[in-house]
């Protein structure tokens, strides 16, 4: 976990080291001031600003795009909650599948 990394902390609003895919990395600040693994960082909500603050970051060989949040169908994602109209339960909605926001299928 995050506490296993040198400089790790459980305080989301502090610059810190985090455990990302079993590797210690420097956390990335999102639009709201919280810090996350680069692949989990949320861009800015679309109705507040045009783009998030998480873009252009390269982590473990992957460069992440600067995208707003929530993300539209077809946009890149890391978590189900990245996608607009998500339902990470059993209901109808969207989900992050293979790194892309997609409509759930029954």
C-alpha atoms as a PDB file:
ATOM      1  CA  UNK A   1       0.000   0.000   0.000  1.00  0.00           C
ATOM      2  CA  UNK A   2       0.859   3.681   0.033  1.00  0.00           C
ATOM      3  CA  UNK A   3       2.458   3.422   3.455  1.00  0.00           C
ATOM      4  CA  UNK A   4       4.980   0.920   2.067  1.00  0.00           C
ATOM      5  CA  UNK A   5       6.432   3.670  -0.155  1.00  0.00           C
ATOM      6  CA  UNK A   6       9.017   6.121   1.188  1.00  0.00           C
ATOM      7  CA  UNK A   7       7.078   9.345   1.728  1.00  0.00           C
ATOM      8  CA  UNK A   8       3.765   7.489   1.579  1.00  0.00           C
ATOM      9  CA  UNK A   9       0.687   8.830   3.377  1.00  0.00           C
ATOM     10  CA  UNK A  10      -3.037   8.200   3.536  1.00  0.00           C
ATOM     11  CA  UNK A  11      -3.815  11.947   3.346  1.00  0.00           C
ATOM     12  CA  UNK A  12      -5.290  12.467  -0.151  1.00  0.00           C
ATOM     13  CA  UNK A  13      -4.731  16.234  -0.181  1.00  0.00           C
ATOM     14  CA  UNK A  14      -0.995  16.092   0.501  1.00  0.00           C
ATOM     15  CA  UNK A  15       1.833  15.550  -2.020  1.00  0.00           C
ATOM     16  CA  UNK A  16       2.991  12.012  -1.401  1.00  0.00           C
ATOM     17  CA  UNK A  17       4.346   8.775  -2.742  1.00  0.00           C
ATOM     18  CA  UNK A  18       1.735   6.201  -3.709  1.00  0.00           C
ATOM     19  CA  UNK A  19       1.733   2.530  -4.633  1.00  0.00           C
ATOM     20  CA  UNK A  20       0.600   2.313  -8.278  1.00  0.00           C
ATOM     21  CA  UNK A  21       0.344  -1.162  -9.772  1.00  0.00           C
ATOM     22  CA  UNK A  22       2.852  -2.487  -7.201  1.00  0.00           C
ATOM     23  CA  UNK A  23       5.348   0.320  -7.896  1.00  0.00           C
ATOM     24  CA  UNK A  24       6.024   3.441  -5.809  1.00  0.00           C
ATOM     25  CA  UNK A  25       5.412   6.662  -7.747  1.00  0.00           C
ATOM     26  CA  UNK A  26       4.904  10.342  -7.035  1.00  0.00           C
ATOM     27  CA  UNK A  27       1.186  11.097  -6.781  1.00  0.00           C
ATOM     28  CA  UNK A  28      -0.388  13.470  -9.322  1.00  0.00           C
ATOM     29  CA  UNK A  29      -2.555  16.405  -8.224  1.00  0.00           C
ATOM     30  CA  UNK A  30      -6.018  16.530  -9.758  1.00  0.00           C
ATOM     31  CA  UNK A  31      -8.194  19.599 -10.442  1.00  0.00           C
ATOM     32  CA  UNK A  32      -9.620  19.533  -6.898  1.00  0.00           C
ATOM     33  CA  UNK A  33      -6.296  19.281  -5.084  1.00  0.00           C
ATOM     34  CA  UNK A  34      -6.291  15.576  -4.259  1.00  0.00           C
ATOM     35  CA  UNK A  35      -3.373  13.338  -5.220  1.00  0.00           C
ATOM     36  CA  UNK A  36      -3.680   9.996  -7.037  1.00  0.00           C
ATOM     37  CA  UNK A  37      -1.776   7.449  -9.097  1.00  0.00           C
ATOM     38  CA  UNK A  38      -1.490   8.872 -12.640  1.00  0.00           C
ATOM     39  CA  UNK A  39      -3.872   6.251 -14.064  1.00  0.00           C
ATOM     40  CA  UNK A  40      -6.514   7.110 -11.424  1.00  0.00           C
ATOM     41  CA  UNK A  41      -6.310  10.901 -11.584  1.00  0.00           C
ATOM     42  CA  UNK A  42      -9.598  12.630 -12.431  1.00  0.00           C
ATOM     43  CA  UNK A  43      -9.809  15.528 -14.827  1.00  0.00           C
ATOM     44  CA  UNK A  44     -11.994  18.534 -14.154  1.00  0.00           C
ATOM     45  CA  UNK A  45     -15.793  18.151 -14.373  1.00  0.00           C
ATOM     46  CA  UNK A  46     -16.837  19.268 -17.841  1.00  0.00           C
ATOM     47  CA  UNK A  47     -19.202  21.955 -16.550  1.00  0.00           C
ATOM     48  CA  UNK A  48     -16.477  23.650 -14.476  1.00  0.00           C
ATOM     49  CA  UNK A  49     -13.514  23.816 -16.837  1.00  0.00           C
ATOM     50  CA  UNK A  50     -12.487  22.653 -20.275  1.00  0.00           C
ATOM     51  CA  UNK A  51      -9.818  20.133 -19.293  1.00  0.00           C
ATOM     52  CA  UNK A  52      -8.448  18.381 -16.275  1.00  0.00           C
ATOM     53  CA  UNK A  53      -5.049  18.828 -14.691  1.00  0.00           C
ATOM     54  CA  UNK A  54      -4.023  15.201 -14.979  1.00  0.00           C
ATOM     55  CA  UNK A  55      -2.974  15.150 -18.620  1.00  0.00           C
ATOM     56  CA  UNK A  56       0.412  14.867 -20.224  1.00  0.00           C
ATOM     57  CA  UNK A  57       1.710  12.651 -17.435  1.00  0.00           C
ATOM     58  CA  UNK A  58       3.803   9.616 -18.287  1.00  0.00           C
ATOM     59  CA  UNK A  59       3.760   6.768 -15.803  1.00  0.00           C
ATOM     60  CA  UNK A  60       5.131   3.282 -16.333  1.00  0.00           C
ATOM     61  CA  UNK A  61       5.456   3.922 -20.079  1.00  0.00           C
ATOM     62  CA  UNK A  62       1.901   5.266 -20.579  1.00  0.00           C
ATOM     63  CA  UNK A  63       1.143   8.947 -21.286  1.00  0.00           C
ATOM     64  CA  UNK A  64      -2.273  10.016 -20.060  1.00  0.00           C
ATOM     65  CA  UNK A  65      -4.373  12.482 -22.037  1.00  0.00           C
ATOM     66  CA  UNK A  66      -5.774  15.670 -20.520  1.00  0.00           C
ATOM     67  CA  UNK A  67      -9.489  14.867 -20.354  1.00  0.00           C
ATOM     68  CA  UNK A  68     -12.493  16.301 -18.602  1.00  0.00           C
ATOM     69  CA  UNK A  69     -14.553  14.291 -16.149  1.00  0.00           C
ATOM     70  CA  UNK A  70     -16.938  12.575 -16.246  1.00  0.00           C
ATOM     71  CA  UNK A  71     -15.837  11.117 -19.546  1.00  0.00           C
ATOM     72  CA  UNK A  72     -18.018  10.397 -22.556  1.00  0.00           C
ATOM     73  CA  UNK A  73     -18.529   7.044 -24.260  1.00  0.00           C
ATOM     74  CA  UNK A  74     -15.357   6.082 -26.110  1.00  0.00           C
ATOM     75  CA  UNK A  75     -13.083   8.213 -23.905  1.00  0.00           C
ATOM     76  CA  UNK A  76     -10.148   6.676 -22.058  1.00  0.00           C
ATOM     77  CA  UNK A  77     -10.673   5.686 -18.424  1.00  0.00           C
ATOM     78  CA  UNK A  78      -9.059   3.857 -15.545  1.00  0.00           C
ATOM     79  CA  UNK A  79     -12.040   3.421 -13.214  1.00  0.00           C
ATOM     80  CA  UNK A  80     -15.767   2.888 -13.720  1.00  0.00           C
ATOM     81  CA  UNK A  81     -16.449   6.170 -11.944  1.00  0.00           C
ATOM     82  CA  UNK A  82     -14.479   8.013 -14.662  1.00  0.00           C
ATOM     83  CA  UNK A  83     -17.379   7.469 -17.091  1.00  0.00           C
ATOM     84  CA  UNK A  84     -20.504   9.624 -17.330  1.00  0.00           C
ATOM     85  CA  UNK A  85     -23.691   7.834 -16.224  1.00  0.00           C
ATOM     86  CA  UNK A  86     -21.644   5.056 -14.626  1.00  0.00           C
ATOM     87  CA  UNK A  87     -23.240   2.291 -12.660  1.00  0.00           C
ATOM     88  CA  UNK A  88     -20.561   0.128 -11.143  1.00  0.00           C
ATOM     89  CA  UNK A  89     -23.210  -2.186  -9.727  1.00  0.00           C
ATOM     90  CA  UNK A  90     -25.580  -4.425 -11.656  1.00  0.00           C
ATOM     91  CA  UNK A  91     -27.777  -1.746 -13.227  1.00  0.00           C
ATOM     92  CA  UNK A  92     -27.916  -0.098 -16.623  1.00  0.00           C
ATOM     93  CA  UNK A  93     -25.250   2.529 -17.333  1.00  0.00           C
ATOM     94  CA  UNK A  94     -21.641   2.845 -18.393  1.00  0.00           C
ATOM     95  CA  UNK A  95     -18.467   1.149 -17.207  1.00  0.00           C
ATOM     96  CA  UNK A  96     -14.736   1.384 -17.895  1.00  0.00           C
ATOM     97  CA  UNK A  97     -13.912  -1.694 -19.998  1.00  0.00           C
ATOM     98  CA  UNK A  98     -10.385  -2.267 -21.291  1.00  0.00           C
ATOM     99  CA  UNK A  99      -9.512   1.403 -20.711  1.00  0.00           C
ATOM    100  CA  UNK A 100     -12.520   2.855 -22.583  1.00  0.00           C
ATOM    101  CA  UNK A 101     -15.891   4.151 -21.343  1.00  0.00           C
ATOM    102  CA  UNK A 102     -18.520   1.792 -22.761  1.00  0.00           C
ATOM    103  CA  UNK A 103     -22.247   1.189 -22.410  1.00  0.00           C
ATOM    104  CA  UNK A 104     -22.884  -1.867 -20.258  1.00  0.00           C
ATOM    105  CA  UNK A 105     -24.382  -4.872 -21.985  1.00  0.00           C
ATOM    106  CA  UNK A 106     -26.694  -7.469 -20.497  1.00  0.00           C
END
